[in-house]
Amino acid sequence: MEFKYEKDRIYLENEKGQCLAEVTFPQISNKEVNINHTYVTPSLRGQGIADNLVRELALYLRKNNVKAMATCSYAIDWFENNPEFKDVCR
């Protein structure tokens, strides 16, 4: 599974270019983003794709010294269940 990056977004698409999963994180200041949406197409749910997306984002943010706040319910739960990333999300 190869995630693609765009400004404020990490996503997965099929061979036709259709979005299958995404996490969006608009910038709210120079070094902070808001993780506001996580989506996985219904046919792929339950396979750990959302977990992988948010983990990819957390690693990206850590590497770039960017902090996050989460307003997406999935991301809020994910950070609560992955305390090793508490340095990334406030």
C-alpha atoms as a PDB file:
ATOM      1  CA  MET A   1       0.000   0.000   0.000  1.00  0.00           C
ATOM      2  CA  GLU A   2       1.545   3.266  -1.117  1.00  0.00           C
ATOM      3  CA  PHE A   3       0.203   6.469   0.336  1.00  0.00           C
ATOM      4  CA  LYS A   4       0.329   9.694  -1.636  1.00  0.00           C
ATOM      5  CA  TYR A   5       0.925  13.128  -0.198  1.00  0.00           C
ATOM      6  CA  GLU A   6      -0.689  16.440  -1.094  1.00  0.00           C
ATOM      7  CA  LYS A   7      -0.848  19.671   0.847  1.00  0.00           C
ATOM      8  CA  ASP A   8      -2.883  18.969   3.996  1.00  0.00           C
ATOM      9  CA  ARG A   9      -3.699  15.402   2.917  1.00  0.00           C
ATOM     10  CA  ILE A  10      -2.358  11.839   2.817  1.00  0.00           C
ATOM     11  CA  TYR A  11      -4.388   9.397   0.752  1.00  0.00           C
ATOM     12  CA  LEU A  12      -4.634   6.073  -1.022  1.00  0.00           C
ATOM     13  CA  GLU A  13      -6.061   5.749  -4.513  1.00  0.00           C
ATOM     14  CA  ASN A  14      -6.871   2.933  -6.892  1.00  0.00           C
ATOM     15  CA  GLU A  15      -5.490   2.438 -10.391  1.00  0.00           C
ATOM     16  CA  LYS A  16      -8.226   4.736 -11.771  1.00  0.00           C
ATOM     17  CA  GLY A  17      -7.139   7.587  -9.508  1.00  0.00           C
ATOM     18  CA  GLN A  18     -10.183   7.333  -7.240  1.00  0.00           C
ATOM     19  CA  CYS A  19      -9.643   8.096  -3.563  1.00  0.00           C
ATOM     20  CA  LEU A  20     -10.023   4.976  -1.412  1.00  0.00           C
ATOM     21  CA  ALA A  21      -8.873   6.422   1.907  1.00  0.00           C
ATOM     22  CA  GLU A  22      -7.577   9.709   3.257  1.00  0.00           C
ATOM     23  CA  VAL A  23      -6.655  11.722   6.296  1.00  0.00           C
ATOM     24  CA  THR A  24      -6.835  15.515   6.052  1.00  0.00           C
ATOM     25  CA  PHE A  25      -4.951  17.967   8.239  1.00  0.00           C
ATOM     26  CA  PRO A  26      -5.243  21.662   7.353  1.00  0.00           C
ATOM     27  CA  GLN A  27      -2.544  23.913   8.733  1.00  0.00           C
ATOM     28  CA  ILE A  28      -3.706  26.187  11.567  1.00  0.00           C
ATOM     29  CA  SER A  29      -0.375  27.876  12.273  1.00  0.00           C
ATOM     30  CA  ASN A  30       3.219  27.675  11.121  1.00  0.00           C
ATOM     31  CA  LYS A  31       3.928  24.499  13.123  1.00  0.00           C
ATOM     32  CA  GLU A  32       0.459  23.104  13.876  1.00  0.00           C
ATOM     33  CA  VAL A  33      -2.226  21.244  11.940  1.00  0.00           C
ATOM     34  CA  ASN A  34      -5.769  20.117  12.699  1.00  0.00           C
ATOM     35  CA  ILE A  35      -6.444  16.451  11.915  1.00  0.00           C
ATOM     36  CA  ASN A  36     -10.064  16.947  10.945  1.00  0.00           C
ATOM     37  CA  HIS A  37     -11.102  13.995   8.779  1.00  0.00           C
ATOM     38  CA  THR A  38     -10.303  10.330   8.244  1.00  0.00           C
ATOM     39  CA  TYR A  39     -12.085   8.283   5.592  1.00  0.00           C
ATOM     40  CA  VAL A  40     -11.853   4.741   4.243  1.00  0.00           C
ATOM     41  CA  THR A  41     -14.162   3.499   1.496  1.00  0.00           C
ATOM     42  CA  PRO A  42     -16.682   0.990   2.920  1.00  0.00           C
ATOM     43  CA  SER A  43     -15.313  -2.000   0.984  1.00  0.00           C
ATOM     44  CA  LEU A  44     -11.878  -1.575   2.629  1.00  0.00           C
ATOM     45  CA  ARG A  45     -12.948  -0.862   6.208  1.00  0.00           C
ATOM     46  CA  GLY A  46     -11.743  -3.144   8.972  1.00  0.00           C
ATOM     47  CA  GLN A  47      -8.375  -3.815   7.312  1.00  0.00           C
ATOM     48  CA  GLY A  48      -6.278  -1.357   9.318  1.00  0.00           C
ATOM     49  CA  ILE A  49      -6.035   1.252   6.584  1.00  0.00           C
ATOM     50  CA  ALA A  50      -7.193   4.154   8.771  1.00  0.00           C
ATOM     51  CA  ASP A  51      -4.702   3.075  11.442  1.00  0.00           C
ATOM     52  CA  ASN A  52      -1.917   3.039   8.852  1.00  0.00           C
ATOM     53  CA  LEU A  53      -2.949   6.449   7.501  1.00  0.00           C
ATOM     54  CA  VAL A  54      -2.926   8.154  10.889  1.00  0.00           C
ATOM     55  CA  ARG A  55       0.342   6.425  11.846  1.00  0.00           C
ATOM     56  CA  GLU A  56       1.887   7.652   8.570  1.00  0.00           C
ATOM     57  CA  LEU A  57       0.691  11.168   9.377  1.00  0.00           C
ATOM     58  CA  ALA A  58       2.010  11.018  12.959  1.00  0.00           C
ATOM     59  CA  LEU A  59       5.436   9.925  11.721  1.00  0.00           C
ATOM     60  CA  TYR A  60       5.420  12.661   9.069  1.00  0.00           C
ATOM     61  CA  LEU A  61       4.498  15.315  11.647  1.00  0.00           C
ATOM     62  CA  ARG A  62       7.145  14.116  14.092  1.00  0.00           C
ATOM     63  CA  LYS A  63       9.822  14.118  11.381  1.00  0.00           C
ATOM     64  CA  ASN A  64       8.902  17.682  10.409  1.00  0.00           C
ATOM     65  CA  ASN A  65       8.540  18.927  14.005  1.00  0.00           C
ATOM     66  CA  VAL A  66       4.877  19.825  13.512  1.00  0.00           C
ATOM     67  CA  LYS A  67       2.281  19.458  16.266  1.00  0.00           C
ATOM     68  CA  ALA A  68      -1.324  18.433  15.760  1.00  0.00           C
ATOM     69  CA  MET A  69      -4.660  18.896  17.363  1.00  0.00           C
ATOM     70  CA  ALA A  70      -7.341  16.391  16.441  1.00  0.00           C
ATOM     71  CA  THR A  71     -11.005  17.163  15.853  1.00  0.00           C
ATOM     72  CA  CYS A  72     -11.685  13.952  13.920  1.00  0.00           C
ATOM     73  CA  SER A  73     -13.144  11.335  16.285  1.00  0.00           C
ATOM     74  CA  TYR A  74     -11.067   8.529  14.764  1.00  0.00           C
ATOM     75  CA  ALA A  75      -7.828  10.504  15.162  1.00  0.00           C
ATOM     76  CA  ILE A  76      -8.703  11.453  18.754  1.00  0.00           C
ATOM     77  CA  ASP A  77      -9.211   7.771  19.623  1.00  0.00           C
ATOM     78  CA  TRP A  78      -6.094   6.750  17.692  1.00  0.00           C
ATOM     79  CA  PHE A  79      -3.828   9.111  19.631  1.00  0.00           C
ATOM     80  CA  GLU A  80      -5.387   7.990  22.930  1.00  0.00           C
ATOM     81  CA  ASN A  81      -4.620   4.368  21.995  1.00  0.00           C
ATOM     82  CA  ASN A  82      -1.090   5.106  20.745  1.00  0.00           C
ATOM     83  CA  PRO A  83       0.591   6.998  23.599  1.00  0.00           C
ATOM     84  CA  GLU A  84       3.994   6.653  21.933  1.00  0.00           C
ATOM     85  CA  PHE A  85       2.844   9.554  19.727  1.00  0.00           C
ATOM     86  CA  LYS A  86       1.746  11.864  22.565  1.00  0.00           C
ATOM     87  CA  ASP A  87       4.565  14.230  21.574  1.00  0.00           C
ATOM     88  CA  VAL A  88       2.796  14.843  18.252  1.00  0.00           C
ATOM     89  CA  CYS A  89      -0.808  15.540  19.287  1.00  0.00           C
ATOM     90  CA  ARG A  90      -1.904  17.881  22.026  1.00  0.00           C
END
